[in-house]
N, C-alpha and C. Protein backbone atom coordinates (compact mmCIF):
# COMPACT_ATOMS: atom_id res chain seq x y z
N UNK A 1 -16.50 -82.06 -27.98
CA UNK A 1 -15.30 -82.75 -28.39
C UNK A 1 -15.49 -84.20 -28.11
N UNK A 2 -15.21 -85.12 -29.07
CA UNK A 2 -15.42 -86.57 -28.87
C UNK A 2 -14.25 -87.06 -27.98
N UNK A 3 -14.56 -87.90 -27.08
CA UNK A 3 -13.60 -88.46 -26.16
C UNK A 3 -12.69 -89.43 -26.90
N UNK A 4 -11.42 -89.55 -26.38
CA UNK A 4 -10.39 -90.32 -27.17
C UNK A 4 -10.66 -91.78 -27.00
N UNK A 5 -11.13 -92.21 -25.84
CA UNK A 5 -11.34 -93.66 -25.60
C UNK A 5 -12.76 -94.06 -25.30
N UNK A 6 -13.09 -95.27 -25.61
CA UNK A 6 -14.43 -95.79 -25.27
C UNK A 6 -14.35 -96.20 -23.72
N UNK A 7 -15.48 -96.46 -23.19
CA UNK A 7 -15.49 -96.92 -21.80
C UNK A 7 -15.77 -95.78 -20.84
N UNK A 8 -17.08 -95.48 -20.68
CA UNK A 8 -17.43 -94.34 -19.72
C UNK A 8 -17.14 -94.82 -18.30
N UNK A 9 -16.99 -93.75 -17.47
CA UNK A 9 -16.71 -93.98 -16.02
C UNK A 9 -17.82 -93.40 -15.14
N UNK A 10 -18.28 -94.13 -14.26
CA UNK A 10 -19.28 -93.62 -13.27
C UNK A 10 -18.58 -93.52 -11.87
N UNK A 11 -18.71 -92.33 -11.38
CA UNK A 11 -17.97 -92.06 -10.03
C UNK A 11 -19.02 -91.71 -8.96
N UNK A 12 -18.93 -92.41 -7.89
CA UNK A 12 -19.76 -92.16 -6.69
C UNK A 12 -19.38 -90.82 -6.03
N UNK A 13 -20.37 -90.28 -5.26
CA UNK A 13 -20.09 -89.00 -4.62
C UNK A 13 -19.66 -89.22 -3.12
N UNK A 14 -20.52 -89.69 -2.28
CA UNK A 14 -20.25 -89.81 -0.86
C UNK A 14 -19.11 -90.78 -0.56
N UNK A 15 -18.09 -90.24 0.09
CA UNK A 15 -16.86 -91.00 0.51
C UNK A 15 -16.01 -91.49 -0.62
N UNK A 16 -16.37 -91.16 -1.79
CA UNK A 16 -15.51 -91.34 -2.97
C UNK A 16 -14.82 -90.04 -3.40
N UNK A 17 -15.72 -89.08 -3.54
CA UNK A 17 -15.31 -87.70 -3.76
C UNK A 17 -15.37 -86.83 -2.63
N UNK A 18 -16.51 -86.87 -1.92
CA UNK A 18 -16.85 -86.00 -0.77
C UNK A 18 -16.75 -86.80 0.51
N UNK A 19 -16.05 -86.23 1.47
CA UNK A 19 -15.93 -86.87 2.80
C UNK A 19 -17.13 -86.65 3.64
N UNK A 20 -18.30 -87.03 3.13
CA UNK A 20 -19.57 -86.78 3.83
C UNK A 20 -19.79 -87.65 5.03
N UNK A 21 -19.36 -88.89 5.08
CA UNK A 21 -19.51 -89.77 6.24
C UNK A 21 -18.79 -89.21 7.45
N UNK A 22 -17.64 -88.64 7.20
CA UNK A 22 -16.84 -88.07 8.35
C UNK A 22 -17.68 -86.91 8.98
N UNK A 23 -18.29 -86.10 8.14
CA UNK A 23 -19.10 -85.00 8.64
C UNK A 23 -20.39 -85.53 9.34
N UNK A 24 -20.99 -86.61 8.72
CA UNK A 24 -22.16 -87.17 9.27
C UNK A 24 -21.90 -87.81 10.62
N UNK A 25 -20.82 -88.46 10.78
CA UNK A 25 -20.48 -89.14 12.08
C UNK A 25 -20.21 -88.11 13.18
N UNK A 26 -19.62 -86.99 12.82
CA UNK A 26 -19.41 -85.89 13.71
C UNK A 26 -20.76 -85.40 14.19
N UNK A 27 -21.66 -85.23 13.23
CA UNK A 27 -23.03 -84.74 13.57
C UNK A 27 -23.72 -85.74 14.46
N UNK A 28 -23.64 -86.98 14.14
CA UNK A 28 -24.26 -88.06 14.94
C UNK A 28 -23.72 -88.07 16.43
N UNK A 29 -22.44 -87.89 16.56
CA UNK A 29 -21.78 -87.85 17.85
C UNK A 29 -22.37 -86.69 18.62
N UNK A 30 -22.54 -85.48 18.00
CA UNK A 30 -23.04 -84.33 18.64
C UNK A 30 -24.53 -84.51 19.12
N UNK A 31 -25.34 -85.13 18.17
CA UNK A 31 -26.80 -85.23 18.44
C UNK A 31 -27.10 -86.32 19.50
N UNK A 32 -26.34 -87.45 19.47
CA UNK A 32 -26.69 -88.62 20.37
C UNK A 32 -25.64 -88.84 21.43
N UNK A 33 -24.75 -87.89 21.65
CA UNK A 33 -23.75 -87.99 22.79
C UNK A 33 -22.84 -89.19 22.63
N UNK A 34 -22.47 -89.59 21.39
CA UNK A 34 -21.65 -90.70 21.16
C UNK A 34 -20.10 -90.21 21.04
N UNK A 35 -19.28 -91.21 21.00
CA UNK A 35 -17.85 -90.94 20.71
C UNK A 35 -17.38 -91.85 19.59
N UNK A 36 -18.17 -92.01 18.62
CA UNK A 36 -17.89 -93.02 17.61
C UNK A 36 -16.82 -92.50 16.64
N UNK A 37 -16.04 -93.47 16.12
CA UNK A 37 -14.88 -93.08 15.33
C UNK A 37 -15.12 -93.79 13.93
N UNK A 38 -14.47 -93.12 12.91
CA UNK A 38 -14.53 -93.72 11.58
C UNK A 38 -14.00 -95.15 11.49
N UNK A 39 -12.98 -95.39 12.24
CA UNK A 39 -12.26 -96.75 12.16
C UNK A 39 -13.25 -97.82 12.75
N UNK A 40 -14.21 -97.50 13.52
CA UNK A 40 -15.13 -98.43 14.05
C UNK A 40 -16.40 -98.68 13.17
N UNK A 41 -16.42 -97.96 12.00
CA UNK A 41 -17.54 -98.11 11.12
C UNK A 41 -17.24 -99.35 10.22
N UNK A 42 -17.48 -100.50 10.70
CA UNK A 42 -16.96 -101.72 10.05
C UNK A 42 -17.96 -102.29 9.04
N UNK A 43 -19.10 -101.81 8.98
CA UNK A 43 -20.13 -102.28 8.04
C UNK A 43 -20.79 -101.06 7.39
N UNK A 44 -21.20 -101.23 6.09
CA UNK A 44 -21.79 -100.11 5.38
C UNK A 44 -23.09 -99.60 6.06
N UNK A 45 -23.84 -100.47 6.62
CA UNK A 45 -25.08 -100.10 7.40
C UNK A 45 -24.67 -99.45 8.79
N UNK A 46 -24.94 -98.24 8.91
CA UNK A 46 -24.40 -97.53 10.12
C UNK A 46 -24.99 -98.04 11.37
N UNK A 47 -26.34 -98.46 11.35
CA UNK A 47 -26.97 -98.92 12.57
C UNK A 47 -26.48 -100.26 13.07
N UNK A 48 -25.65 -100.96 12.17
CA UNK A 48 -25.01 -102.18 12.65
C UNK A 48 -23.74 -101.92 13.41
N UNK A 49 -23.33 -100.65 13.39
CA UNK A 49 -22.04 -100.31 14.05
C UNK A 49 -22.27 -99.37 15.26
N UNK A 50 -23.25 -98.57 15.26
CA UNK A 50 -23.44 -97.53 16.21
C UNK A 50 -24.90 -97.51 16.67
N UNK A 51 -25.16 -97.04 17.92
CA UNK A 51 -26.57 -97.09 18.44
C UNK A 51 -27.43 -95.93 17.88
N UNK A 52 -27.58 -95.97 16.57
CA UNK A 52 -28.51 -95.08 15.82
C UNK A 52 -29.41 -95.90 14.88
N UNK A 53 -30.52 -95.42 14.57
CA UNK A 53 -31.41 -96.15 13.65
C UNK A 53 -31.01 -95.71 12.26
N UNK A 54 -31.41 -96.44 11.22
CA UNK A 54 -31.17 -96.11 9.84
C UNK A 54 -31.95 -94.83 9.50
N UNK A 55 -33.15 -94.61 10.11
CA UNK A 55 -33.86 -93.40 9.86
C UNK A 55 -33.10 -92.18 10.43
N UNK A 56 -32.55 -92.32 11.60
CA UNK A 56 -31.81 -91.24 12.21
C UNK A 56 -30.56 -90.89 11.37
N UNK A 57 -29.86 -91.98 10.93
CA UNK A 57 -28.65 -91.72 10.10
C UNK A 57 -29.04 -91.09 8.77
N UNK A 58 -30.16 -91.55 8.14
CA UNK A 58 -30.58 -90.99 6.80
C UNK A 58 -30.92 -89.53 6.95
N UNK A 59 -31.55 -89.16 8.02
CA UNK A 59 -31.85 -87.70 8.34
C UNK A 59 -30.63 -86.90 8.42
N UNK A 60 -29.62 -87.40 9.18
CA UNK A 60 -28.28 -86.69 9.25
C UNK A 60 -27.65 -86.50 7.88
N UNK A 61 -27.61 -87.67 7.15
CA UNK A 61 -26.94 -87.57 5.82
C UNK A 61 -27.58 -86.60 4.95
N UNK A 62 -28.89 -86.49 5.05
CA UNK A 62 -29.68 -85.47 4.17
C UNK A 62 -29.32 -84.10 4.63
N UNK A 63 -29.26 -83.90 5.96
CA UNK A 63 -29.12 -82.56 6.56
C UNK A 63 -27.69 -82.01 6.31
N UNK A 64 -26.69 -82.94 6.40
CA UNK A 64 -25.23 -82.35 6.31
C UNK A 64 -25.03 -81.77 4.93
N UNK A 65 -25.77 -82.22 3.91
CA UNK A 65 -25.55 -81.61 2.58
C UNK A 65 -26.20 -80.32 2.43
N UNK A 66 -26.95 -79.91 3.51
CA UNK A 66 -27.51 -78.52 3.48
C UNK A 66 -26.48 -77.49 3.97
N UNK A 67 -25.37 -78.06 4.46
CA UNK A 67 -24.17 -77.20 4.73
C UNK A 67 -23.02 -77.76 4.00
N UNK A 68 -23.02 -77.60 2.69
CA UNK A 68 -21.89 -78.30 1.87
C UNK A 68 -20.53 -77.77 2.17
N UNK A 69 -20.48 -76.49 2.73
CA UNK A 69 -19.17 -75.90 3.01
C UNK A 69 -18.39 -76.67 4.08
N UNK A 70 -19.09 -77.45 4.88
CA UNK A 70 -18.47 -78.21 5.93
C UNK A 70 -17.92 -79.58 5.44
N UNK A 71 -18.27 -79.96 4.25
CA UNK A 71 -17.90 -81.27 3.67
C UNK A 71 -16.54 -81.05 2.93
N UNK A 72 -15.54 -81.86 3.18
CA UNK A 72 -14.27 -81.78 2.55
C UNK A 72 -14.10 -82.72 1.41
N UNK A 73 -13.14 -82.42 0.49
CA UNK A 73 -12.80 -83.37 -0.52
C UNK A 73 -12.10 -84.60 0.10
N UNK A 74 -12.36 -85.75 -0.35
CA UNK A 74 -11.57 -86.89 0.13
C UNK A 74 -10.10 -86.79 -0.16
N UNK A 75 -9.81 -86.13 -1.28
CA UNK A 75 -8.39 -85.94 -1.70
C UNK A 75 -8.34 -84.63 -2.52
N UNK A 76 -7.43 -83.74 -2.11
CA UNK A 76 -7.38 -82.45 -2.83
C UNK A 76 -7.04 -82.47 -4.26
N UNK A 77 -6.51 -83.60 -4.73
CA UNK A 77 -6.18 -83.85 -6.14
C UNK A 77 -7.31 -84.30 -7.08
N UNK A 78 -8.45 -84.58 -6.44
CA UNK A 78 -9.59 -85.12 -7.17
C UNK A 78 -9.98 -84.25 -8.34
N UNK A 79 -10.12 -82.93 -8.18
CA UNK A 79 -10.50 -82.07 -9.36
C UNK A 79 -9.61 -82.27 -10.59
N UNK A 80 -8.27 -82.29 -10.37
CA UNK A 80 -7.31 -82.48 -11.38
C UNK A 80 -7.43 -83.86 -12.08
N UNK A 81 -7.57 -84.89 -11.16
CA UNK A 81 -7.57 -86.27 -11.64
C UNK A 81 -8.86 -86.50 -12.51
N UNK A 82 -10.03 -85.93 -12.01
CA UNK A 82 -11.26 -86.12 -12.81
C UNK A 82 -11.18 -85.36 -14.16
N UNK A 83 -10.51 -84.20 -14.10
CA UNK A 83 -10.29 -83.37 -15.36
C UNK A 83 -9.51 -84.18 -16.34
N UNK A 84 -8.45 -84.92 -15.90
CA UNK A 84 -7.65 -85.80 -16.74
C UNK A 84 -8.50 -86.99 -17.26
N UNK A 85 -9.29 -87.56 -16.45
CA UNK A 85 -10.14 -88.61 -16.86
C UNK A 85 -11.14 -88.15 -17.95
N UNK A 86 -11.68 -86.94 -17.67
CA UNK A 86 -12.71 -86.34 -18.63
C UNK A 86 -12.12 -85.98 -19.96
N UNK A 87 -10.84 -85.79 -20.08
CA UNK A 87 -10.25 -85.51 -21.36
C UNK A 87 -10.14 -86.76 -22.24
N UNK A 88 -10.27 -87.95 -21.63
CA UNK A 88 -10.13 -89.17 -22.39
C UNK A 88 -11.33 -90.04 -22.36
N UNK A 89 -12.26 -89.83 -21.36
CA UNK A 89 -13.43 -90.69 -21.19
C UNK A 89 -14.64 -89.83 -20.96
N UNK A 90 -15.82 -90.41 -21.27
CA UNK A 90 -17.08 -89.80 -20.73
C UNK A 90 -17.17 -90.19 -19.22
N UNK A 91 -17.34 -89.10 -18.45
CA UNK A 91 -17.35 -89.36 -16.94
C UNK A 91 -18.67 -88.85 -16.36
N UNK A 92 -19.32 -89.69 -15.59
CA UNK A 92 -20.54 -89.34 -14.94
C UNK A 92 -20.50 -89.45 -13.48
N UNK A 93 -21.20 -88.43 -12.77
CA UNK A 93 -21.34 -88.68 -11.31
C UNK A 93 -22.55 -89.62 -11.20
N UNK A 94 -22.35 -90.65 -10.44
CA UNK A 94 -23.42 -91.72 -10.31
C UNK A 94 -23.54 -91.94 -8.80
N UNK A 95 -24.68 -91.41 -8.34
CA UNK A 95 -24.86 -91.37 -6.83
C UNK A 95 -26.16 -91.75 -6.30
N UNK A 96 -26.18 -92.30 -5.13
CA UNK A 96 -27.42 -92.54 -4.44
C UNK A 96 -27.48 -91.67 -3.13
N UNK A 97 -26.78 -90.56 -3.18
CA UNK A 97 -26.72 -89.66 -1.98
C UNK A 97 -28.06 -89.25 -1.53
N UNK A 98 -28.18 -89.03 -0.24
CA UNK A 98 -29.48 -88.45 0.33
C UNK A 98 -29.45 -86.92 0.22
N UNK A 99 -28.31 -86.36 -0.11
CA UNK A 99 -28.25 -84.92 -0.21
C UNK A 99 -29.06 -84.42 -1.40
N UNK A 100 -29.56 -83.16 -1.28
CA UNK A 100 -30.37 -82.55 -2.32
C UNK A 100 -29.45 -82.13 -3.41
N UNK A 101 -29.88 -82.34 -4.74
CA UNK A 101 -29.06 -82.09 -5.84
C UNK A 101 -28.46 -80.75 -5.94
N UNK A 102 -29.35 -79.65 -5.56
CA UNK A 102 -28.81 -78.27 -5.73
C UNK A 102 -27.58 -78.13 -4.71
N UNK A 103 -27.60 -78.78 -3.60
CA UNK A 103 -26.45 -78.65 -2.64
C UNK A 103 -25.19 -79.33 -3.14
N UNK A 104 -25.30 -80.57 -3.66
CA UNK A 104 -24.02 -81.20 -4.07
C UNK A 104 -23.61 -80.69 -5.45
N UNK A 105 -24.54 -80.15 -6.24
CA UNK A 105 -24.04 -79.58 -7.48
C UNK A 105 -23.26 -78.31 -7.21
N UNK A 106 -23.71 -77.49 -6.22
CA UNK A 106 -22.96 -76.33 -5.90
C UNK A 106 -21.62 -76.65 -5.33
N UNK A 107 -21.60 -77.74 -4.46
CA UNK A 107 -20.37 -78.19 -3.83
C UNK A 107 -19.34 -78.57 -4.89
N UNK A 108 -19.85 -79.38 -5.92
CA UNK A 108 -18.93 -79.82 -6.94
C UNK A 108 -18.38 -78.62 -7.76
N UNK A 109 -19.29 -77.66 -8.00
CA UNK A 109 -18.88 -76.37 -8.80
C UNK A 109 -17.90 -75.66 -8.00
N UNK A 110 -18.12 -75.45 -6.71
CA UNK A 110 -17.13 -74.74 -5.86
C UNK A 110 -15.78 -75.40 -5.81
N UNK A 111 -15.75 -76.74 -5.97
CA UNK A 111 -14.44 -77.43 -6.03
C UNK A 111 -13.82 -77.66 -7.37
N UNK A 112 -14.54 -77.09 -8.39
CA UNK A 112 -14.01 -77.16 -9.74
C UNK A 112 -14.06 -78.65 -10.37
N UNK A 113 -15.15 -79.32 -9.95
CA UNK A 113 -15.35 -80.68 -10.53
C UNK A 113 -16.54 -80.68 -11.38
N UNK A 114 -16.27 -81.14 -12.73
CA UNK A 114 -17.39 -81.19 -13.69
C UNK A 114 -17.50 -82.51 -14.26
N UNK A 115 -18.61 -82.85 -14.83
CA UNK A 115 -18.94 -84.20 -15.38
C UNK A 115 -19.62 -84.02 -16.70
N UNK A 116 -19.61 -85.09 -17.51
CA UNK A 116 -20.41 -85.09 -18.69
C UNK A 116 -21.90 -85.34 -18.42
N UNK A 117 -22.17 -85.82 -17.22
CA UNK A 117 -23.60 -86.01 -16.77
C UNK A 117 -23.62 -86.35 -15.34
N UNK A 118 -24.76 -86.13 -14.72
CA UNK A 118 -25.01 -86.56 -13.31
C UNK A 118 -26.23 -87.35 -13.21
N UNK A 119 -26.17 -88.56 -12.59
CA UNK A 119 -27.22 -89.50 -12.48
C UNK A 119 -27.46 -89.80 -11.02
N UNK A 120 -28.61 -89.61 -10.51
CA UNK A 120 -29.00 -89.89 -9.11
C UNK A 120 -29.89 -91.17 -9.19
N UNK A 121 -29.51 -92.16 -8.38
CA UNK A 121 -30.37 -93.33 -8.28
C UNK A 121 -30.89 -93.40 -6.81
N UNK A 122 -32.00 -94.19 -6.68
CA UNK A 122 -32.58 -94.34 -5.32
C UNK A 122 -31.78 -95.34 -4.44
N UNK A 123 -31.22 -96.33 -5.05
CA UNK A 123 -30.42 -97.36 -4.33
C UNK A 123 -29.13 -97.64 -5.03
N UNK A 124 -28.10 -97.88 -4.27
CA UNK A 124 -26.79 -98.12 -4.88
C UNK A 124 -26.74 -99.30 -5.87
N UNK A 125 -27.56 -100.33 -5.60
CA UNK A 125 -27.50 -101.47 -6.49
C UNK A 125 -28.15 -101.15 -7.84
N UNK A 126 -28.77 -100.08 -8.05
CA UNK A 126 -29.25 -99.57 -9.32
C UNK A 126 -28.25 -99.04 -10.25
N UNK A 127 -27.07 -98.80 -9.68
CA UNK A 127 -26.01 -98.18 -10.44
C UNK A 127 -25.67 -98.88 -11.69
N UNK A 128 -25.50 -100.18 -11.63
CA UNK A 128 -25.02 -100.92 -12.78
C UNK A 128 -26.09 -100.88 -13.85
N UNK A 129 -27.35 -100.90 -13.53
CA UNK A 129 -28.42 -100.91 -14.59
C UNK A 129 -28.44 -99.55 -15.22
N UNK A 130 -28.46 -98.54 -14.50
CA UNK A 130 -28.44 -97.16 -15.03
C UNK A 130 -27.15 -96.92 -15.81
N UNK A 131 -26.03 -97.41 -15.22
CA UNK A 131 -24.69 -97.16 -15.84
C UNK A 131 -24.66 -97.87 -17.19
N UNK A 132 -25.21 -99.09 -17.33
CA UNK A 132 -25.22 -99.79 -18.61
C UNK A 132 -25.95 -99.01 -19.71
N UNK A 133 -27.01 -98.41 -19.30
CA UNK A 133 -27.82 -97.65 -20.31
C UNK A 133 -27.07 -96.35 -20.73
N UNK A 134 -26.05 -96.00 -19.99
CA UNK A 134 -25.26 -94.83 -20.39
C UNK A 134 -23.87 -95.25 -20.94
N UNK A 135 -23.66 -96.59 -21.12
CA UNK A 135 -22.47 -97.01 -21.71
C UNK A 135 -21.19 -96.93 -20.76
N UNK A 136 -21.49 -97.08 -19.48
CA UNK A 136 -20.36 -97.04 -18.52
C UNK A 136 -19.72 -98.42 -18.37
N UNK A 137 -18.36 -98.45 -18.42
CA UNK A 137 -17.67 -99.72 -18.28
C UNK A 137 -16.87 -99.77 -16.99
N UNK A 138 -16.63 -98.64 -16.29
CA UNK A 138 -15.89 -98.56 -15.10
C UNK A 138 -16.66 -97.78 -14.00
N UNK A 139 -16.56 -98.31 -12.77
CA UNK A 139 -17.29 -97.70 -11.69
C UNK A 139 -16.38 -97.49 -10.51
N UNK A 140 -16.28 -96.25 -10.04
CA UNK A 140 -15.35 -95.94 -8.91
C UNK A 140 -16.35 -95.77 -7.64
N UNK A 141 -16.23 -96.57 -6.65
CA UNK A 141 -17.22 -96.54 -5.66
C UNK A 141 -16.53 -97.09 -4.29
N UNK A 142 -17.25 -96.89 -3.15
CA UNK A 142 -16.79 -97.45 -1.90
C UNK A 142 -17.72 -98.47 -1.36
N UNK A 143 -18.78 -98.83 -2.05
CA UNK A 143 -19.75 -99.75 -1.57
C UNK A 143 -19.54 -101.14 -2.23
N UNK A 144 -19.26 -102.14 -1.41
CA UNK A 144 -18.94 -103.55 -1.89
C UNK A 144 -20.11 -104.06 -2.70
N UNK A 145 -21.40 -103.75 -2.36
CA UNK A 145 -22.47 -104.25 -3.23
C UNK A 145 -22.39 -103.77 -4.62
N UNK A 146 -22.01 -102.46 -4.81
CA UNK A 146 -21.88 -101.96 -6.11
C UNK A 146 -20.76 -102.65 -6.85
N UNK A 147 -19.64 -102.84 -6.11
CA UNK A 147 -18.49 -103.59 -6.74
C UNK A 147 -18.93 -105.02 -7.19
N UNK A 148 -19.68 -105.72 -6.38
CA UNK A 148 -20.15 -107.04 -6.71
C UNK A 148 -21.01 -107.04 -7.94
N UNK A 149 -22.00 -106.10 -7.86
CA UNK A 149 -22.91 -106.06 -9.11
C UNK A 149 -22.25 -105.69 -10.35
N UNK A 150 -21.34 -104.81 -10.24
CA UNK A 150 -20.53 -104.34 -11.49
C UNK A 150 -19.77 -105.57 -12.04
N UNK A 151 -19.01 -106.17 -11.10
CA UNK A 151 -18.19 -107.32 -11.48
C UNK A 151 -19.13 -108.48 -12.17
N UNK A 152 -20.22 -108.76 -11.56
CA UNK A 152 -21.15 -109.77 -12.02
C UNK A 152 -21.66 -109.44 -13.42
N UNK A 153 -21.77 -108.14 -13.77
CA UNK A 153 -22.15 -107.75 -15.14
C UNK A 153 -21.00 -107.66 -16.11
N UNK A 154 -19.78 -108.06 -15.66
CA UNK A 154 -18.71 -108.15 -16.50
C UNK A 154 -17.96 -106.76 -16.83
N UNK A 155 -18.32 -105.79 -15.90
CA UNK A 155 -17.72 -104.44 -16.00
C UNK A 155 -16.61 -104.39 -14.92
N UNK A 156 -15.87 -103.25 -14.85
CA UNK A 156 -14.75 -103.11 -13.93
C UNK A 156 -15.13 -102.15 -12.80
N UNK A 157 -14.97 -102.68 -11.55
CA UNK A 157 -15.28 -101.95 -10.34
C UNK A 157 -13.91 -101.55 -9.81
N UNK A 158 -13.76 -100.21 -9.42
CA UNK A 158 -12.59 -99.77 -8.69
C UNK A 158 -13.11 -99.41 -7.32
N UNK A 159 -12.81 -100.23 -6.38
CA UNK A 159 -13.34 -100.14 -5.04
C UNK A 159 -12.33 -99.40 -4.14
N UNK A 160 -12.73 -98.23 -3.62
CA UNK A 160 -11.84 -97.47 -2.70
C UNK A 160 -12.00 -98.08 -1.31
N UNK A 161 -10.97 -98.56 -0.72
CA UNK A 161 -11.02 -99.25 0.58
C UNK A 161 -11.39 -98.19 1.64
N UNK A 162 -12.33 -98.63 2.52
CA UNK A 162 -12.88 -97.80 3.65
C UNK A 162 -13.00 -98.78 4.71
N UNK A 163 -13.11 -98.30 6.00
CA UNK A 163 -13.34 -99.29 7.12
C UNK A 163 -14.56 -100.20 6.92
N UNK A 164 -15.66 -99.72 6.27
CA UNK A 164 -16.87 -100.48 6.07
C UNK A 164 -16.74 -101.54 4.91
N UNK A 165 -15.78 -101.45 4.20
CA UNK A 165 -15.60 -102.51 3.16
C UNK A 165 -14.19 -103.20 3.21
N UNK A 166 -13.46 -102.93 4.27
CA UNK A 166 -12.06 -103.44 4.45
C UNK A 166 -12.06 -104.95 4.43
N UNK A 167 -13.01 -105.63 5.11
CA UNK A 167 -12.95 -107.08 5.22
C UNK A 167 -13.14 -107.66 3.78
N UNK A 168 -14.15 -107.09 3.04
CA UNK A 168 -14.41 -107.58 1.71
C UNK A 168 -13.19 -107.33 0.80
N UNK A 169 -12.65 -106.14 0.98
CA UNK A 169 -11.54 -105.61 0.14
C UNK A 169 -10.29 -106.57 0.28
N UNK A 170 -10.16 -107.06 1.43
CA UNK A 170 -8.97 -107.86 1.81
C UNK A 170 -9.13 -109.29 1.20
N UNK A 171 -10.34 -109.72 1.03
CA UNK A 171 -10.58 -111.11 0.59
C UNK A 171 -10.97 -111.21 -0.85
N UNK A 172 -11.29 -110.05 -1.54
CA UNK A 172 -11.75 -110.16 -2.87
C UNK A 172 -10.73 -110.76 -3.90
N UNK A 173 -11.22 -111.67 -4.74
CA UNK A 173 -10.30 -112.25 -5.73
C UNK A 173 -10.89 -112.20 -7.14
N UNK A 174 -11.86 -111.28 -7.38
CA UNK A 174 -12.53 -111.12 -8.68
C UNK A 174 -11.66 -110.26 -9.56
N UNK A 175 -11.27 -110.68 -10.69
CA UNK A 175 -10.49 -109.86 -11.66
C UNK A 175 -11.21 -108.65 -12.08
N UNK A 176 -12.58 -108.55 -11.93
CA UNK A 176 -13.25 -107.33 -12.28
C UNK A 176 -13.36 -106.32 -11.11
N UNK A 177 -12.75 -106.65 -10.01
CA UNK A 177 -12.79 -105.64 -8.92
C UNK A 177 -11.37 -105.33 -8.52
N UNK A 178 -11.01 -104.06 -8.70
CA UNK A 178 -9.69 -103.59 -8.32
C UNK A 178 -9.83 -102.82 -7.06
N UNK A 179 -9.13 -103.12 -6.04
CA UNK A 179 -9.18 -102.40 -4.77
C UNK A 179 -8.04 -101.32 -4.76
N UNK A 180 -8.42 -100.15 -4.45
CA UNK A 180 -7.39 -99.09 -4.39
C UNK A 180 -7.42 -98.43 -2.99
N UNK A 181 -6.45 -97.70 -2.70
CA UNK A 181 -6.45 -97.06 -1.32
C UNK A 181 -6.34 -95.52 -1.48
N UNK A 182 -6.21 -94.98 -2.67
CA UNK A 182 -6.06 -93.58 -2.94
C UNK A 182 -6.51 -93.20 -4.33
N UNK A 183 -6.70 -91.89 -4.55
CA UNK A 183 -6.97 -91.39 -5.79
C UNK A 183 -5.75 -91.45 -6.69
N UNK A 184 -4.55 -91.40 -6.14
CA UNK A 184 -3.37 -91.51 -6.92
C UNK A 184 -3.37 -92.87 -7.65
N UNK A 185 -3.79 -93.94 -6.96
CA UNK A 185 -3.87 -95.27 -7.51
C UNK A 185 -4.88 -95.28 -8.71
N UNK A 186 -6.06 -94.60 -8.52
CA UNK A 186 -7.06 -94.45 -9.49
C UNK A 186 -6.52 -93.75 -10.78
N UNK A 187 -5.73 -92.70 -10.54
CA UNK A 187 -5.14 -91.98 -11.64
C UNK A 187 -4.14 -92.86 -12.42
N UNK A 188 -3.32 -93.61 -11.72
CA UNK A 188 -2.37 -94.48 -12.30
C UNK A 188 -3.09 -95.61 -13.05
N UNK A 189 -4.06 -96.16 -12.60
CA UNK A 189 -4.87 -97.25 -13.23
C UNK A 189 -5.37 -96.77 -14.58
N UNK A 190 -5.89 -95.59 -14.62
CA UNK A 190 -6.51 -95.13 -15.91
C UNK A 190 -5.39 -94.67 -16.88
N UNK A 191 -4.28 -94.10 -16.33
CA UNK A 191 -3.18 -93.65 -17.15
C UNK A 191 -2.55 -94.87 -17.82
N UNK A 192 -2.46 -96.02 -17.12
CA UNK A 192 -1.82 -97.21 -17.69
C UNK A 192 -2.85 -97.88 -18.67
N UNK A 193 -4.14 -97.84 -18.30
CA UNK A 193 -5.19 -98.39 -19.23
C UNK A 193 -5.15 -97.67 -20.55
N UNK A 194 -5.06 -96.34 -20.47
CA UNK A 194 -5.18 -95.57 -21.70
C UNK A 194 -3.90 -95.71 -22.61
N UNK A 195 -2.76 -95.95 -21.98
CA UNK A 195 -1.56 -96.17 -22.72
C UNK A 195 -1.67 -97.43 -23.58
N UNK A 196 -2.43 -98.48 -23.07
CA UNK A 196 -2.51 -99.80 -23.69
C UNK A 196 -3.51 -99.75 -24.80
N UNK A 197 -4.39 -98.72 -24.83
CA UNK A 197 -5.41 -98.71 -25.85
C UNK A 197 -4.89 -98.04 -27.11
């Protein structure tokens, strides 16, 4: 069935749909005897915030997806909201996750989340290039570098505020970057957008 509106949407996985960083930090605390808290994760690069290397963190992020049942939804309403978005737009999962595809695909299926397509990139900054080739105009993400690259390309970034992007989110004044604090706000943004089309 043809979508009602133009403007495809690319949605990030880690910490946008899946609360994977919460599970990863729990695992890092167990492995390295830390007491790190999510609120102290002030930069995207975990090694800048806690005494672990990027290699150690990457290994943990890869391993936690091998136990997808331990990863929670960021918001229980996400499946319904994505279903509404999919009824009006082409919606793609656009992720640089370290998790193996078979694990996150089964996790998405178990949570009743489906997409028009799934795209895995090596680095987050590649999302705008790949997204452009798929006709994406909107990007929902938690990474400020993605938001910046999307805005620079003249597309619309919906940045979900997290501790690691809070400083940027508070100071952003680019009309192509909309900062949100919940999936309810994302739902309202697209509902109002679609009314105006």
